[in-house]
């Protein structure tokens, strides 16, 4: 039937009512999406922080870490690498790409990142780390050559080597020390047939970051970065 004259809304009123309904529904949908996103982000944050907690737990049981007191940082470096990378993946809402799963603690590989095999060498001094890389390359004939494996060395050591290769001033290194590093880089490239940066990549950690005297401070820093 017809609207009673007194109650019949004008066309502008109808439009505004419909518009208000659409806005309310859209607002409710937006709020629901926002709530879902916040819940996902909150869960991702929890998982990311959980990765750092795993390293705290690992460091808290030094008797289970391979090596003596002076070399335990090597395994700590591996734990930090995997944890920090996975925490970053969680925060980007990606499946974590780093893992120790299925890898023996004495295998040629220390961990995998996005399916690639990685061997970590954390030795005091860039020369020492490169020596260990070269020893490993000589022991495992396919590692670093198959396009799906590489090495990690401390970030500060990688930076130093890069400076030497660019001809930049590299701290207080003597000409002899620079030449030694450059020669070892050439040995890596000769053994693998690949560029140095394809075979030896920087870790997320500097050498000192993962020493037992500094590790707790390092983990606190990573946690603060995750929390933003």
Protein backbone atom coordinates (compact mmCIF):
# COMPACT_ATOMS: atom_id res chain seq x y z
CA UNK A 1 0.00 0.00 0.00
CA UNK A 2 0.89 3.64 -0.09
CA UNK A 3 2.91 5.23 2.67
CA UNK A 4 0.80 7.34 5.03
CA UNK A 5 1.51 10.87 3.92
CA UNK A 6 2.79 11.94 7.34
CA UNK A 7 5.17 8.96 7.65
CA UNK A 8 6.48 8.67 4.11
CA UNK A 9 10.16 9.62 4.11
CA UNK A 10 11.42 11.96 1.45
CA UNK A 11 13.84 10.62 -1.15
CA UNK A 12 16.84 12.37 0.46
CA UNK A 13 15.92 10.78 3.82
CA UNK A 14 15.76 7.32 2.23
CA UNK A 15 19.15 7.81 0.61
CA UNK A 16 20.72 8.95 3.88
CA UNK A 17 19.21 5.98 5.79
CA UNK A 18 20.51 3.49 3.22
CA UNK A 19 23.88 5.21 3.18
CA UNK A 20 24.04 5.10 6.97
CA UNK A 21 23.26 1.37 6.87
CA UNK A 22 25.95 0.73 4.31
CA UNK A 23 28.46 2.76 6.32
CA UNK A 24 27.56 0.91 9.53
CA UNK A 25 27.89 -2.48 7.84
CA UNK A 26 31.15 -1.47 6.19
CA UNK A 27 32.41 -0.12 9.51
CA UNK A 28 31.52 -3.38 11.26
CA UNK A 29 33.29 -5.38 8.54
CA UNK A 30 36.33 -3.10 8.78
CA UNK A 31 36.42 -3.52 12.56
CA UNK A 32 36.16 -7.30 12.18
CA UNK A 33 39.01 -7.34 9.66
CA UNK A 34 41.06 -5.11 11.94
CA UNK A 35 40.41 -7.40 14.90
CA UNK A 36 41.45 -10.41 12.83
CA UNK A 37 44.60 -8.64 11.69
CA UNK A 38 45.48 -7.58 15.22
CA UNK A 39 44.93 -11.12 16.47
CA UNK A 40 47.20 -12.47 13.73
CA UNK A 41 49.85 -9.84 14.47
CA UNK A 42 49.63 -10.57 18.18
CA UNK A 43 50.10 -14.29 17.51
CA UNK A 44 53.01 -13.51 15.17
CA UNK A 45 54.63 -11.36 17.87
CA UNK A 46 54.21 -14.19 20.37
CA UNK A 47 55.86 -16.67 17.99
CA UNK A 48 58.70 -14.23 17.24
CA UNK A 49 59.41 -13.66 20.93
CA UNK A 50 59.22 -17.43 21.43
CA UNK A 51 62.15 -17.85 19.02
CA UNK A 52 64.32 -15.61 21.21
CA UNK A 53 63.17 -17.49 24.32
CA UNK A 54 64.40 -20.74 22.72
CA UNK A 55 67.91 -19.27 22.53
CA UNK A 56 67.71 -18.07 26.14
CA UNK A 57 66.82 -21.61 27.16
CA UNK A 58 69.66 -23.03 25.05
CA UNK A 59 72.21 -20.62 26.53
CA UNK A 60 70.87 -21.40 30.01
CA UNK A 61 72.07 -25.02 29.65
CA UNK A 62 75.75 -24.58 28.69
CA UNK A 63 76.56 -28.19 29.54
CA UNK A 64 74.56 -29.22 26.43
CA UNK A 65 76.51 -26.92 24.08
CA UNK A 66 79.32 -28.47 22.05
CA UNK A 67 82.88 -27.27 22.57
CA UNK A 68 84.79 -25.87 25.51
CA UNK A 69 84.07 -22.58 27.25
CA UNK A 70 86.10 -20.69 24.65
CA UNK A 71 84.32 -22.18 21.62
CA UNK A 72 80.70 -22.63 22.74
CA UNK A 73 79.83 -19.35 21.01
CA UNK A 74 79.92 -21.21 17.68
CA UNK A 75 76.78 -23.15 18.50
CA UNK A 76 75.24 -20.11 20.16
CA UNK A 77 75.76 -18.21 16.90
CA UNK A 78 73.83 -20.91 15.04
CA UNK A 79 70.91 -20.70 17.48
CA UNK A 80 70.78 -16.90 17.22
CA UNK A 81 70.89 -17.03 13.41
CA UNK A 82 67.93 -19.38 13.13
CA UNK A 83 65.92 -17.63 15.85
CA UNK A 84 66.37 -14.09 14.53
CA UNK A 85 65.58 -15.09 10.96
CA UNK A 86 62.48 -17.01 12.00
CA UNK A 87 61.33 -14.18 14.26
CA UNK A 88 61.61 -11.79 11.30
CA UNK A 89 59.61 -14.22 9.14
CA UNK A 90 56.86 -14.45 11.76
CA UNK A 91 56.61 -10.65 11.96
CA UNK A 92 56.26 -10.54 8.15
CA UNK A 93 53.51 -13.19 8.50
CA UNK A 94 55.65 -15.70 6.61
CA UNK A 95 56.29 -19.30 7.47
CA UNK A 96 59.68 -19.50 9.24
CA UNK A 97 62.39 -20.41 6.74
CA UNK A 98 65.32 -21.41 8.97
CA UNK A 99 65.58 -24.80 10.66
CA UNK A 100 67.80 -27.33 12.40
CA UNK A 101 65.29 -30.06 11.67
CA UNK A 102 66.74 -33.27 10.30
CA UNK A 103 70.36 -32.09 10.63
CA UNK A 104 72.93 -33.89 12.76
CA UNK A 105 75.00 -31.65 15.04
CA UNK A 106 78.15 -33.02 13.39
CA UNK A 107 76.94 -32.88 9.77
CA UNK A 108 78.45 -30.76 6.98
CA UNK A 109 75.42 -28.49 7.38
CA UNK A 110 74.64 -26.54 10.55
CA UNK A 111 71.15 -25.32 9.54
CA UNK A 112 68.99 -24.65 6.50
CA UNK A 113 67.64 -21.29 5.36
CA UNK A 114 64.86 -21.35 2.77
CA UNK A 115 65.99 -24.82 1.75
CA UNK A 116 69.70 -23.99 1.35
CA UNK A 117 72.37 -25.72 3.46
CA UNK A 118 74.44 -23.37 5.61
CA UNK A 119 77.64 -24.00 7.54
CA UNK A 120 78.49 -21.39 10.18
CA UNK A 121 82.11 -20.48 10.96
CA UNK A 122 82.56 -18.21 13.98
CA UNK A 123 86.28 -18.00 14.64
CA UNK A 124 88.12 -15.16 16.33
CA UNK A 125 89.46 -13.08 13.42
CA UNK A 126 88.45 -12.95 9.75
CA UNK A 127 91.55 -14.90 8.76
CA UNK A 128 90.61 -17.73 11.14
CA UNK A 129 87.05 -17.89 9.86
CA UNK A 130 88.27 -18.05 6.24
CA UNK A 131 90.75 -20.80 7.16
CA UNK A 132 87.89 -22.86 8.58
CA UNK A 133 85.78 -22.19 5.47
CA UNK A 134 88.65 -23.42 3.28
CA UNK A 135 89.18 -26.52 5.43
CA UNK A 136 85.48 -27.32 5.14
CA UNK A 137 85.51 -26.78 1.36
CA UNK A 138 88.41 -29.22 1.04
CA UNK A 139 86.63 -31.81 3.19
CA UNK A 140 83.24 -31.64 1.45
CA UNK A 141 83.66 -31.54 -2.33
CA UNK A 142 80.10 -30.44 -3.18
CA UNK A 143 79.49 -27.91 -0.42
CA UNK A 144 79.53 -24.30 -1.64
CA UNK A 145 79.62 -25.49 -5.24
CA UNK A 146 76.16 -26.99 -5.79
CA UNK A 147 74.25 -23.70 -5.89
CA UNK A 148 72.31 -24.60 -2.76
CA UNK A 149 74.85 -24.30 0.05
CA UNK A 150 77.00 -21.55 1.53
CA UNK A 151 78.81 -20.33 4.64
CA UNK A 152 78.06 -17.77 7.31
CA UNK A 153 80.82 -15.84 9.03
CA UNK A 154 80.46 -13.02 11.60
CA UNK A 155 78.94 -9.90 10.05
CA UNK A 156 81.78 -7.65 11.18
CA UNK A 157 84.37 -9.99 9.67
CA UNK A 158 82.48 -10.11 6.36
CA UNK A 159 82.35 -6.30 6.37
CA UNK A 160 86.11 -6.17 6.97
CA UNK A 161 86.82 -8.56 4.09
CA UNK A 162 84.53 -6.55 1.80
CA UNK A 163 86.46 -3.39 2.69
CA UNK A 164 89.74 -5.13 1.86
CA UNK A 165 88.39 -6.33 -1.50
CA UNK A 166 87.16 -2.82 -2.35
CA UNK A 167 90.54 -1.35 -1.45
CA UNK A 168 89.02 0.72 1.35
CA UNK A 169 90.82 1.39 4.60
CA UNK A 170 90.12 -1.62 6.81
CA UNK A 171 90.73 -0.64 10.40
CA UNK A 172 94.35 -1.02 11.44
CA UNK A 173 95.08 -3.99 9.18
CA UNK A 174 98.62 -4.07 7.80
CA UNK A 175 99.25 -4.42 4.08
CA UNK A 176 100.42 -7.98 4.74
CA UNK A 177 97.17 -8.87 6.58
CA UNK A 178 95.09 -7.42 3.75
CA UNK A 179 97.03 -9.42 1.19
CA UNK A 180 96.54 -12.60 3.23
CA UNK A 181 92.77 -12.05 3.38
CA UNK A 182 92.59 -11.28 -0.33
CA UNK A 183 94.56 -14.45 -1.12
CA UNK A 184 92.20 -16.57 0.99
CA UNK A 185 89.21 -15.04 -0.80
CA UNK A 186 90.82 -16.05 -4.10
CA UNK A 187 91.29 -19.58 -2.74
CA UNK A 188 87.57 -19.76 -1.90
CA UNK A 189 86.65 -18.59 -5.40
CA UNK A 190 89.12 -20.97 -7.03
CA UNK A 191 87.83 -24.00 -5.09
CA UNK A 192 84.17 -23.22 -5.73
CA UNK A 193 84.22 -21.53 -9.12
CA UNK A 194 81.89 -18.88 -7.69
CA UNK A 195 82.10 -15.32 -6.43
CA UNK A 196 83.07 -14.91 -2.78
CA UNK A 197 79.75 -13.29 -1.79
CA UNK A 198 77.85 -16.22 -3.30
CA UNK A 199 79.74 -18.67 -1.11
CA UNK A 200 80.44 -16.71 2.09
CA UNK A 201 77.66 -14.52 3.47
CA UNK A 202 77.36 -12.35 6.60
CA UNK A 203 75.62 -13.72 9.67
CA UNK A 204 73.03 -11.63 11.49
CA UNK A 205 75.55 -11.53 14.37
CA UNK A 206 78.92 -9.95 14.88
CA UNK A 207 81.58 -12.15 16.47
CA UNK A 208 81.33 -10.51 19.90
CA UNK A 209 77.51 -10.62 19.90
CA UNK A 210 77.38 -14.35 20.60
CA UNK A 211 80.20 -14.72 23.11
CA UNK A 212 78.98 -15.92 26.49
CA UNK A 213 79.71 -12.58 28.11
CA UNK A 214 77.58 -10.68 25.57
CA UNK A 215 74.84 -13.10 24.49
CA UNK A 216 72.22 -12.02 27.04
CA UNK A 217 72.66 -8.38 26.03
CA UNK A 218 72.36 -9.45 22.37
CA UNK A 219 69.13 -11.34 23.01
CA UNK A 220 67.70 -8.37 24.91
CA UNK A 221 68.49 -6.17 21.90
CA UNK A 222 66.78 -8.56 19.50
CA UNK A 223 63.74 -8.76 21.78
CA UNK A 224 63.47 -4.96 21.91
CA UNK A 225 63.68 -4.83 18.11
CA UNK A 226 60.89 -7.41 17.81
CA UNK A 227 58.66 -5.49 20.21
CA UNK A 228 59.33 -2.37 18.13
